Protein backbone atom coordinates (compact mmCIF):
# COMPACT_ATOMS: atom_id res chain seq x y z
CA MET A 1 -83.70 225.41 216.15
CA ASP A 2 -87.28 223.86 217.87
CA LEU A 3 -86.60 220.51 219.60
CA PHE A 4 -88.62 218.02 221.60
CA LEU A 5 -87.68 217.25 224.62
CA GLY A 6 -88.50 213.55 225.94
CA VAL A 7 -87.75 212.20 229.82
CA ASP A 8 -88.47 208.63 230.59
CA VAL A 9 -87.42 207.69 234.33
CA GLY A 10 -87.56 203.79 234.18
CA THR A 11 -86.87 201.22 237.03
CA TYR A 12 -82.92 201.40 236.79
CA GLU A 13 -81.98 204.55 234.60
CA THR A 14 -83.53 208.06 232.94
CA LYS A 15 -82.81 208.59 229.79
CA GLY A 16 -83.76 212.06 227.96
CA VAL A 17 -83.52 212.74 224.07
CA LEU A 18 -83.96 216.14 221.64
CA VAL A 19 -85.74 215.45 218.54
CA ASP A 20 -87.01 217.92 215.69
CA ALA A 21 -90.38 217.86 214.10
CA ALA A 22 -89.35 215.36 211.61
CA GLY A 23 -88.03 212.90 213.94
CA VAL A 24 -84.34 213.55 213.98
CA VAL A 25 -82.84 212.87 217.07
CA HIS A 26 -80.43 215.76 217.86
CA ALA A 27 -79.25 214.65 221.18
CA GLU A 28 -79.35 211.90 223.81
CA ALA A 29 -78.56 211.43 227.57
CA ARG A 30 -78.89 208.94 230.10
CA ALA A 31 -78.63 208.81 234.23
CA ARG A 32 -78.17 205.61 236.10
CA HIS A 33 -80.13 205.06 239.44
CA GLY A 34 -81.07 201.75 241.55
CA ILE A 35 -84.26 200.91 243.43
CA SER A 36 -84.43 200.29 247.42
CA THR A 37 -85.83 197.02 248.95
CA PRO A 38 -86.46 198.00 252.56
CA VAL A 39 -88.40 194.95 253.40
CA PRO A 40 -88.96 191.76 251.24
CA GLY A 41 -91.88 192.74 248.99
CA TRP A 42 -91.45 196.54 249.07
CA VAL A 43 -89.92 198.16 246.10
CA GLU A 44 -89.25 201.66 246.50
CA GLN A 45 -87.55 205.25 245.11
CA ASP A 46 -87.16 208.15 246.41
CA ALA A 47 -89.24 210.78 243.84
CA ASP A 48 -86.78 213.83 244.56
CA ALA A 49 -83.00 211.92 244.81
CA VAL A 50 -83.96 209.76 241.85
CA TRP A 51 -87.08 211.04 239.36
CA TRP A 52 -86.58 214.60 240.11
CA ALA A 53 -82.50 214.86 240.17
CA ASP A 54 -82.01 212.67 237.01
CA LEU A 55 -84.51 215.09 234.83
CA VAL A 56 -82.16 217.89 235.97
CA ALA A 57 -79.28 215.74 234.93
CA VAL A 58 -80.20 214.59 231.66
CA VAL A 59 -82.18 218.03 230.46
CA ALA A 60 -78.41 219.50 231.57
CA GLU A 61 -76.19 217.10 229.07
CA LEU A 62 -78.75 217.62 226.53
CA ARG A 63 -78.70 221.46 226.95
CA ALA A 64 -74.93 221.26 226.48
CA ALA A 65 -74.67 219.11 223.62
CA VAL A 66 -77.14 221.17 221.77
CA PRO A 67 -76.64 224.97 223.32
CA ASP A 68 -78.59 226.52 220.62
CA ALA A 69 -81.79 224.54 220.84
CA VAL A 70 -84.73 226.25 221.70
CA ILE A 71 -87.02 223.34 223.83
CA ALA A 72 -90.58 223.84 222.13
CA ALA A 73 -91.91 221.38 224.40
CA VAL A 74 -91.77 218.98 227.12
CA ALA A 75 -93.27 215.74 228.03
CA CYS A 76 -92.31 212.87 230.87
CA SER A 77 -92.78 209.17 231.16
CA ALA A 78 -92.07 206.95 233.75
CA ILE A 79 -92.25 203.72 235.80
CA GLY A 80 -95.85 203.22 236.71
CA PRO A 81 -98.33 202.86 238.12
CA CYS A 82 -96.40 204.14 241.03
CA VAL A 83 -98.10 205.42 244.49
CA LEU A 84 -96.49 208.99 245.86
CA PRO A 85 -97.85 210.48 248.71
CA VAL A 86 -97.36 214.50 248.41
CA ASP A 87 -98.47 217.19 250.69
CA GLU A 88 -100.26 220.86 250.13
CA GLU A 89 -96.79 221.99 248.90
CA LEU A 90 -95.90 219.01 246.30
CA ARG A 91 -93.02 217.52 248.74
CA PRO A 92 -93.18 213.57 248.96
CA LEU A 93 -94.06 212.59 252.52
CA ARG A 94 -92.10 209.01 251.60
CA PRO A 95 -90.48 207.25 249.15
CA ALA A 96 -92.99 206.22 246.22
CA ILE A 97 -94.23 202.73 246.10
CA LEU A 98 -93.33 201.21 242.67
CA TYR A 99 -95.63 199.11 240.68
CA GLY A 100 -96.45 195.72 240.39
CA VAL A 101 -92.82 194.31 241.46
CA ASP A 102 -94.03 195.91 245.18
CA THR A 103 -96.20 193.44 246.57
CA ARG A 104 -96.65 194.85 249.76
CA ALA A 105 -100.78 195.37 249.34
CA THR A 106 -101.67 191.73 249.93
CA GLY A 107 -104.09 192.40 252.88
CA GLU A 108 -105.27 195.66 251.19
CA ILE A 109 -106.67 193.50 247.98
CA GLY A 110 -108.32 190.89 250.14
CA LEU A 111 -110.16 193.83 252.05
CA LEU A 112 -110.97 195.45 248.83
CA GLU A 113 -112.56 192.21 246.93
CA GLU A 114 -114.09 191.71 250.65
CA ARG A 115 -115.93 195.19 250.39
CA LEU A 116 -117.05 195.07 246.45
CA GLY A 117 -116.83 191.61 245.33
CA THR A 118 -114.56 190.42 242.64
CA ASP A 119 -117.44 190.85 240.08
CA GLU A 120 -117.85 194.50 241.04
CA ILE A 121 -114.30 195.19 240.79
CA VAL A 122 -113.91 193.55 237.38
CA ARG A 123 -117.30 195.46 235.89
CA ARG A 124 -115.50 198.67 237.16
CA SER A 125 -112.41 198.82 236.57
CA GLY A 126 -112.06 195.77 233.73
CA ASN A 127 -109.28 194.06 235.85
CA VAL A 128 -108.74 191.75 239.00
CA LEU A 129 -106.72 193.54 241.75
CA THR A 130 -102.96 192.38 241.62
CA SER A 131 -99.87 193.77 242.72
CA GLN A 132 -99.94 195.94 239.70
CA SER A 133 -103.02 197.49 241.22
CA ALA A 134 -102.25 201.18 242.42
CA GLY A 135 -105.60 200.94 244.53
CA PRO A 136 -104.60 198.79 246.96
CA LYS A 137 -101.34 200.78 247.78
CA VAL A 138 -103.15 203.69 248.20
CA LEU A 139 -104.91 202.00 250.69
CA TRP A 140 -101.85 200.58 252.13
CA VAL A 141 -100.82 204.04 253.06
CA GLU A 142 -103.94 205.01 254.55
CA ARG A 143 -104.27 201.84 256.84
CA HIS A 144 -100.49 201.56 257.70
CA GLU A 145 -98.88 205.31 257.89
CA PRO A 146 -101.77 206.84 259.25
CA GLU A 147 -99.60 210.10 259.73
CA VAL A 148 -98.58 210.32 255.98
CA ALA A 149 -101.96 209.68 255.41
CA ALA A 150 -103.46 212.53 257.68
CA ARG A 151 -100.59 215.10 255.61
CA THR A 152 -101.42 213.47 251.87
CA ARG A 153 -102.90 215.90 249.58
CA TRP A 154 -102.45 214.29 246.59
CA TYR A 155 -101.33 210.52 245.99
CA LEU A 156 -99.29 211.32 242.55
CA THR A 157 -97.75 208.79 240.32
CA SER A 158 -94.02 208.88 238.91
CA GLN A 159 -94.87 211.36 235.81
CA GLY A 160 -97.57 213.01 237.64
CA TYR A 161 -94.89 214.11 239.92
CA LEU A 162 -92.73 215.56 237.42
CA VAL A 163 -95.25 217.58 235.60
CA ALA A 164 -96.26 218.87 239.02
CA ARG A 165 -92.53 219.82 239.85
CA LEU A 166 -92.21 221.28 236.50
CA THR A 167 -95.38 223.10 236.42
CA GLY A 168 -97.29 223.33 239.65
CA ARG A 169 -100.18 221.87 238.20
CA VAL A 170 -101.56 218.43 239.45
CA VAL A 171 -102.69 215.81 236.85
CA ILE A 172 -102.68 212.37 235.93
CA ASP A 173 -103.59 210.48 232.36
CA HIS A 174 -105.91 208.12 231.67
CA ALA A 175 -103.80 205.43 230.52
CA THR A 176 -102.11 205.23 234.02
CA ALA A 177 -105.21 205.86 236.04
CA GLY A 178 -106.47 202.96 234.78
CA TYR A 179 -104.35 201.09 236.57
CA PHE A 180 -105.86 202.67 239.78
CA HIS A 181 -108.30 200.01 240.41
CA PRO A 182 -110.63 199.60 241.82
CA CYS A 183 -110.88 203.27 241.54
CA TYR A 184 -111.45 204.12 238.04
CA ASP A 185 -114.52 203.23 236.00
CA LEU A 186 -113.14 201.88 232.80
CA ALA A 187 -116.08 202.51 230.19
CA HIS A 188 -117.15 205.99 231.58
CA GLN A 189 -113.24 206.93 232.00
CA GLN A 190 -113.79 208.44 235.34
CA TRP A 191 -112.84 208.07 239.31
CA ASP A 192 -115.15 205.79 241.15
CA VAL A 193 -114.82 205.11 244.30
CA ASP A 194 -118.57 204.36 245.61
CA GLY A 195 -118.60 201.80 248.15
CA ILE A 196 -114.96 202.56 249.47
CA ALA A 197 -114.61 206.07 249.88
CA ASP A 198 -114.35 205.75 253.53
CA LEU A 199 -110.97 203.86 252.71
CA ILE A 200 -109.80 205.68 249.46
CA PRO A 201 -110.59 209.22 249.51
CA ALA A 202 -111.65 210.16 246.05
CA GLY A 203 -110.51 213.90 246.94
CA LYS A 204 -106.56 212.93 247.03
CA LEU A 205 -106.74 211.22 243.31
CA PRO A 206 -105.41 213.72 240.93
CA PRO A 207 -107.51 215.21 238.10
CA LEU A 208 -107.73 213.55 234.93
CA ALA A 209 -106.24 214.42 231.61
CA TRP A 210 -105.28 212.89 228.27
CA SER A 211 -101.55 211.89 227.78
CA SER A 212 -101.12 214.28 224.63
CA GLU A 213 -102.88 217.13 226.69
CA VAL A 214 -100.92 220.54 227.88
CA ALA A 215 -100.37 219.79 231.12
CA GLY A 216 -99.18 223.44 232.06
CA ALA A 217 -95.80 225.59 231.71
CA VAL A 218 -92.65 225.00 232.98
CA THR A 219 -92.43 227.69 236.26
CA ASP A 220 -90.00 230.01 237.09
CA ALA A 221 -88.51 227.52 239.65
CA ALA A 222 -88.44 224.73 237.71
CA ALA A 223 -86.89 226.97 235.09
CA ALA A 224 -83.84 227.76 237.54
CA ALA A 225 -83.46 224.12 238.48
CA THR A 226 -83.64 222.25 234.99
CA GLY A 227 -82.69 225.08 232.45
CA ILE A 228 -85.51 224.78 230.72
CA PRO A 229 -86.85 227.80 229.75
CA ALA A 230 -90.00 229.39 231.95
CA GLY A 231 -93.33 229.27 229.73
CA THR A 232 -92.27 226.17 228.14
CA PRO A 233 -95.50 223.74 227.57
CA VAL A 234 -95.51 220.42 229.27
CA VAL A 235 -97.74 217.88 227.98
CA VAL A 236 -99.38 215.30 230.71
CA GLY A 237 -97.22 212.25 229.72
CA THR A 238 -97.98 208.80 230.91
CA THR A 239 -95.96 205.69 231.85
CA ASP A 240 -92.85 204.28 230.56
CA ALA A 241 -94.27 201.22 228.63
CA VAL A 242 -96.93 203.54 226.91
CA ALA A 243 -94.82 205.84 226.02
CA GLU A 244 -92.66 202.95 224.44
CA ALA A 245 -95.35 202.12 222.44
CA VAL A 246 -95.85 205.77 221.22
CA GLY A 247 -92.26 205.90 219.84
CA SER A 248 -92.31 202.38 218.47
CA SER A 249 -95.76 203.64 216.29
CA VAL A 250 -97.97 201.07 218.05
CA VAL A 251 -100.86 203.18 218.36
CA ALA A 252 -103.47 201.76 215.98
CA PRO A 253 -106.00 199.29 217.04
CA ASP A 254 -104.35 195.36 217.08
CA ASP A 255 -100.86 196.83 216.97
CA LEU A 256 -98.89 195.11 219.74
CA MET A 257 -95.61 195.76 221.27
CA LEU A 258 -93.58 193.35 222.98
CA MET A 259 -91.14 195.37 225.54
CA TYR A 260 -88.10 193.56 226.54
CA GLY A 261 -86.92 195.10 229.71
CA SER A 262 -85.82 194.17 233.01
CA SER A 263 -89.27 193.12 233.18
CA GLY A 264 -91.56 192.39 230.53
CA TYR A 265 -94.64 194.42 229.21
CA PHE A 266 -96.64 193.87 226.10
CA ILE A 267 -99.74 195.97 225.13
CA ARG A 268 -102.58 195.43 222.29
CA VAL A 269 -104.18 198.55 221.24
CA THR A 270 -108.04 197.88 220.75
CA ALA A 271 -110.79 200.00 219.47
CA HIS A 272 -112.71 198.78 222.67
CA PRO A 273 -112.03 197.86 226.09
CA HIS A 274 -111.23 194.17 226.19
CA VAL A 275 -111.64 192.49 229.55
CA ASP A 276 -109.99 189.47 230.88
CA PRO A 277 -109.24 188.60 234.34
CA ARG A 278 -105.57 187.10 233.75
CA LEU A 279 -104.83 190.77 231.56
CA TRP A 280 -105.18 194.16 232.31
CA ALA A 281 -107.20 196.49 230.34
CA ALA A 282 -106.86 200.51 230.72
CA PRO A 283 -107.24 203.49 228.28
CA PHE A 284 -104.27 204.17 225.80
CA ALA A 285 -102.59 207.21 225.88
CA LEU A 286 -104.52 209.36 222.69
CA PRO A 287 -108.21 209.38 222.97
CA GLY A 288 -110.41 206.83 221.58
CA ARG A 289 -108.65 203.97 222.10
CA PHE A 290 -107.81 201.10 224.62
CA VAL A 291 -105.01 198.75 225.27
CA SER A 292 -105.30 194.90 226.93
CA ALA A 293 -101.96 194.76 228.52
CA ALA A 294 -99.66 192.16 229.84
CA GLY A 295 -96.53 191.91 231.91
CA THR A 296 -93.72 189.63 233.74
CA SER A 297 -92.21 190.37 236.80
CA THR A 298 -88.60 189.21 235.28
CA ALA A 299 -86.79 189.51 231.76
CA GLY A 300 -83.52 191.07 231.57
CA THR A 301 -83.04 191.14 235.46
CA ALA A 302 -82.78 187.09 235.29
CA THR A 303 -80.37 187.18 232.03
CA ARG A 304 -78.21 189.61 234.54
CA TRP A 305 -78.60 187.32 237.54
CA ILE A 306 -77.50 184.26 235.74
CA ALA A 307 -74.47 186.37 234.56
CA ASP A 308 -73.22 187.31 237.55
CA LEU A 309 -73.83 184.11 238.99
CA LEU A 310 -71.13 182.52 236.60
CA GLY A 311 -68.76 185.16 236.94
CA LEU A 312 -69.47 186.89 233.42
CA ASP A 313 -68.92 190.71 234.65
CA HIS A 314 -65.03 190.89 234.05
CA GLY A 315 -65.27 195.07 234.76
CA ASP A 316 -65.33 195.72 230.86
CA GLY A 317 -69.04 196.68 230.85
CA ASP A 318 -72.14 195.39 230.19
CA THR A 319 -71.90 195.05 226.13
CA ALA A 320 -68.74 192.41 226.81
CA MET A 321 -70.77 190.46 229.73
CA PHE A 322 -73.56 190.09 227.39
CA GLY A 323 -71.55 188.77 224.73
CA ARG A 324 -69.90 186.25 226.78
CA LEU A 325 -73.47 185.26 227.65
CA MET A 326 -74.47 184.81 224.62
CA ASP A 327 -71.65 182.24 223.73
CA LEU A 328 -72.38 180.23 226.69
CA VAL A 329 -76.39 180.12 225.70
CA ARG A 330 -75.51 179.71 222.15
CA ALA A 331 -72.91 176.29 223.16
CA ALA A 332 -76.16 174.76 224.34
CA PRO A 333 -78.59 173.26 222.57
CA PRO A 334 -82.29 174.00 222.23
CA GLY A 335 -83.71 172.85 225.32
CA ALA A 336 -80.61 173.28 227.57
CA GLY A 337 -80.31 169.48 227.79
CA GLY A 338 -83.39 168.56 229.39
CA VAL A 339 -82.67 171.85 232.25
CA GLN A 340 -85.80 173.90 233.01
CA HIS A 341 -86.02 177.35 234.17
CA LEU A 342 -88.71 179.02 235.59
CA PRO A 343 -87.76 183.11 236.11
CA HIS A 344 -90.08 184.16 239.39
CA PHE A 345 -87.53 186.06 241.27
CA SER A 346 -90.01 188.37 242.26
CA GLY A 347 -93.33 186.39 241.59
CA GLU A 348 -95.14 186.55 238.50
CA ARG A 349 -97.87 189.22 237.04
CA THR A 350 -99.79 187.82 234.07
CA PRO A 351 -101.25 185.17 233.03
CA VAL A 352 -101.24 184.22 236.94
CA HIS A 353 -100.50 187.00 239.14
CA ASP A 354 -98.70 184.86 241.78
CA PRO A 355 -96.63 187.31 244.13
CA ASP A 356 -95.45 184.27 245.52
CA ALA A 357 -94.16 182.50 242.74
CA ARG A 358 -90.22 182.34 242.96
CA ALA A 359 -87.56 180.95 240.85
CA ALA A 360 -86.57 177.08 239.97
CA PHE A 361 -84.35 175.39 238.15
CA THR A 362 -85.44 171.39 237.60
CA GLY A 363 -83.99 168.57 234.96
CA LEU A 364 -80.43 169.24 236.65
CA SER A 365 -78.23 166.38 236.41
CA LEU A 366 -74.39 166.08 236.89
CA GLY A 367 -74.05 166.90 233.52
CA THR A 368 -75.39 170.12 233.67
CA GLY A 369 -72.85 172.88 233.07
CA ARG A 370 -72.53 176.39 232.55
CA ALA A 371 -73.81 176.59 229.07
CA GLU A 372 -77.48 174.52 230.08
CA LEU A 373 -77.93 177.04 232.81
CA ALA A 374 -77.59 179.88 230.98
CA ARG A 375 -79.79 178.71 228.22
CA ALA A 376 -81.99 177.48 230.42
CA VAL A 377 -82.68 181.12 231.83
CA VAL A 378 -83.12 182.72 228.62
CA GLU A 379 -85.67 180.03 227.47
CA GLY A 380 -87.22 180.15 230.48
CA VAL A 381 -87.32 184.09 230.45
CA SER A 382 -89.02 183.26 226.75
CA ALA A 383 -91.70 180.42 227.99
CA SER A 384 -93.04 183.46 230.48
CA ILE A 385 -93.18 185.97 228.06
CA ALA A 386 -95.21 183.43 225.68
CA ALA A 387 -97.63 182.94 228.22
CA ALA A 388 -98.15 186.41 228.81
CA VAL A 389 -98.56 187.41 225.08
CA SER A 390 -100.70 184.39 223.85
CA ALA A 391 -103.01 185.41 226.69
CA LEU A 392 -103.36 188.84 224.65
CA LEU A 393 -103.36 186.67 221.54
CA GLU A 394 -106.35 185.12 222.43
CA GLY A 395 -109.58 186.72 221.20
CA GLY A 396 -108.06 188.76 218.33
CA HIS A 397 -108.73 188.41 214.94
CA GLY A 398 -105.32 186.87 213.51
CA HIS A 399 -102.07 187.76 214.13
CA PRO A 400 -100.98 191.03 214.98
CA ARG A 401 -98.59 193.64 213.93
CA ALA A 402 -96.28 192.82 216.36
CA VAL A 403 -92.95 195.55 217.24
CA ALA A 404 -90.43 194.58 219.59
CA VAL A 405 -88.34 197.27 221.43
CA GLY A 406 -85.84 197.43 224.61
CA GLY A 407 -82.56 196.40 225.15
CA GLY A 408 -83.53 192.79 225.36
CA THR A 409 -83.87 192.68 221.69
CA ARG A 410 -80.23 192.32 221.60
CA ASN A 411 -80.96 188.84 222.97
CA GLU A 412 -81.41 187.01 219.21
CA VAL A 413 -82.04 183.72 221.28
CA LEU A 414 -84.67 184.78 223.14
CA VAL A 415 -86.88 186.81 220.57
CA GLN A 416 -86.59 183.90 218.26
CA THR A 417 -87.78 181.95 220.72
CA VAL A 418 -90.53 183.80 222.00
CA SER A 419 -91.50 184.18 217.90
CA ASP A 420 -91.49 180.38 217.67
CA LEU A 421 -93.63 179.84 220.50
CA THR A 422 -96.00 181.86 219.72
CA GLY A 423 -96.26 182.00 215.72
CA LEU A 424 -95.43 186.03 215.76
CA THR A 425 -93.28 187.42 213.13
CA GLN A 426 -91.94 190.75 215.25
CA ARG A 427 -90.34 193.43 213.61
CA THR A 428 -88.03 195.53 215.82
CA ALA A 429 -88.49 199.48 216.33
CA ALA A 430 -84.96 201.46 215.81
CA THR A 431 -85.97 204.32 218.33
CA LEU A 432 -84.94 205.36 221.78
CA GLY A 433 -87.43 204.08 223.02
CA ALA A 434 -90.26 205.62 225.49
CA ALA A 435 -88.14 208.90 226.23
CA TYR A 436 -88.54 209.35 221.81
CA GLY A 437 -92.59 208.31 222.39
CA ASP A 438 -92.55 211.26 225.21
CA ALA A 439 -90.86 213.86 222.24
CA MET A 440 -93.78 212.03 220.00
CA LEU A 441 -96.50 213.24 222.75
CA ALA A 442 -94.63 216.74 223.24
CA ALA A 443 -94.82 217.41 219.28
CA ILE A 444 -98.55 216.12 218.82
CA GLY A 445 -99.84 217.86 221.93
CA THR A 446 -98.64 221.18 220.91
CA GLY A 447 -99.71 220.44 217.14
CA ALA A 448 -96.34 220.76 215.79
CA VAL A 449 -97.06 217.34 214.11
CA THR A 450 -99.92 215.53 213.26
CA GLU A 451 -100.55 211.63 214.65
CA GLU A 452 -99.79 210.22 211.16
CA GLN A 453 -96.51 211.99 210.73
CA ALA A 454 -95.50 211.62 214.19
CA VAL A 455 -96.08 207.57 213.63
CA GLY A 456 -94.05 208.03 210.67
CA TRP A 457 -90.58 209.03 212.18
CA VAL A 458 -90.44 205.34 213.48
CA ALA A 459 -87.90 203.25 211.66
CA PHE A 460 -87.33 199.58 211.84
CA SER A 461 -84.37 197.03 211.71
CA ASP A 462 -84.87 193.42 212.21
CA GLU A 463 -87.20 191.19 211.33
CA VAL A 464 -88.08 187.77 213.07
CA ARG A 465 -90.23 184.97 212.23
CA PRO A 466 -91.18 182.06 213.91
CA GLY A 467 -89.06 178.69 213.11
CA PRO A 468 -90.50 176.49 210.31
CA ASP A 469 -90.41 173.43 212.18
CA GLY A 470 -92.34 174.16 215.76
CA ARG A 471 -89.85 171.93 217.14
CA PHE A 472 -89.30 173.88 220.21
CA ARG A 473 -92.06 173.55 222.50
CA ALA A 474 -90.80 174.62 226.01
CA ALA A 475 -94.38 176.91 226.89
CA ASP A 476 -96.44 173.88 227.60
CA ARG A 477 -93.80 171.99 229.69
CA TYR A 478 -93.35 175.65 231.50
CA THR A 479 -96.87 175.94 232.67
CA ARG A 480 -97.21 172.47 234.02
CA THR A 481 -93.85 172.75 235.74
CA TYR A 482 -95.38 176.31 237.42
CA ARG A 483 -98.90 174.45 238.08
CA ALA A 484 -96.88 171.52 239.66
CA LEU A 485 -94.75 173.57 241.96
CA ARG A 486 -97.68 176.29 242.40
CA ALA A 487 -99.65 172.87 243.70
CA VAL A 488 -96.85 171.84 245.99
CA ARG A 489 -96.40 175.15 247.37
CA GLU A 490 -99.83 175.49 248.43
CA GLY A 491 -99.96 172.46 249.61
CA GLU A 492 -97.38 173.32 252.01
CA ARG A 493 -99.59 176.20 253.84
């Protein structure tokens, strides 16, 4: 039985699937892991102890579940863009610096802006520099850890490291490279360090390829470690969010994916680059398409925080805990009795790009109870998502085909409120997420199926339409409150 292996390394969990050429899932596996925050504003993971170890573990579980499977091809996705310096032997030289939740490189952003100018950065990369930009994090290593920088042969990203361990080949996909601003020329789809070559050496940036291209074959050493037969084709892969888009059929221009995870991530596929300083522009996984993307720093992590704060974890599993949270949320009316929450526990990404933003409650009174707090958190997350998605919708032609994915889609209040605030009708993709998209890329990349056939694998479950009366107007209030608190914060400096 020829099956396609997809492995996705997320922020807190790795997932793996085995899928046949008709899109049927034959096995799935998961492995939990954590993050490291050694200094406030730093968020890291160990590439070997987390990324590689999880891949080995989930592959072993999948092979045990389907012992007669022949793995026809492999594709991996992972959190990104991350920055991992490795030496000539592809050995990690430090823990990986994670994506936009890691805000250490503020000084490097300023240095690059001073050197190139904001206009040139936007012209070249299609983006302003933010905590989501990998280029400043590369520069951070070069400036602050010169002993590491001196030994660095390549700056890899997460799935790029897995591909390197599996095949021995160093490569980065265009969709991820597009977030290494200001080092990637979006219009010409190539590296460009003109004017900053003394800060970020071009020779340490990996060769470029498309996500569906075959990077190489599993080596003997990787086969011994993973059980994947030597010679198995390995596709280049991409970041988790882009793989999730592929795995939910969001591949055509004007398709929109809303990913409800520990953070929020939203992708609109476009036929041409769409540059908006509030958003992120990059190539898509498949050639000839681009994305306009947005993201919030906090989504599911905020609901987990309030559940822990209210003591809803009784040791009987996440499903039971989440059910108790939803019961509390439904016990409070829309608007949470005047209580408002800004879920900026780790700053905020689009559309404000404010790493210094912090969470807040307003409107508390002596009558505020547990239900109002729970509802306010969910509505605050909804409002932050709506602010990001509304920026994506501007400049488009009508409402796009919107697909909702991720564990947060189980939170019907969250998804319904986002529809109410944005006017979007959302269909929930019934897939296994980014790992499923990886399997699709593996099948497409090896020619086993066409792109059209792979898109046909995806099924849908719920459909959420915006409410008819439009009575819930939290988004405007959310924006006004954020701006007021930011003005107070900046006035204190």
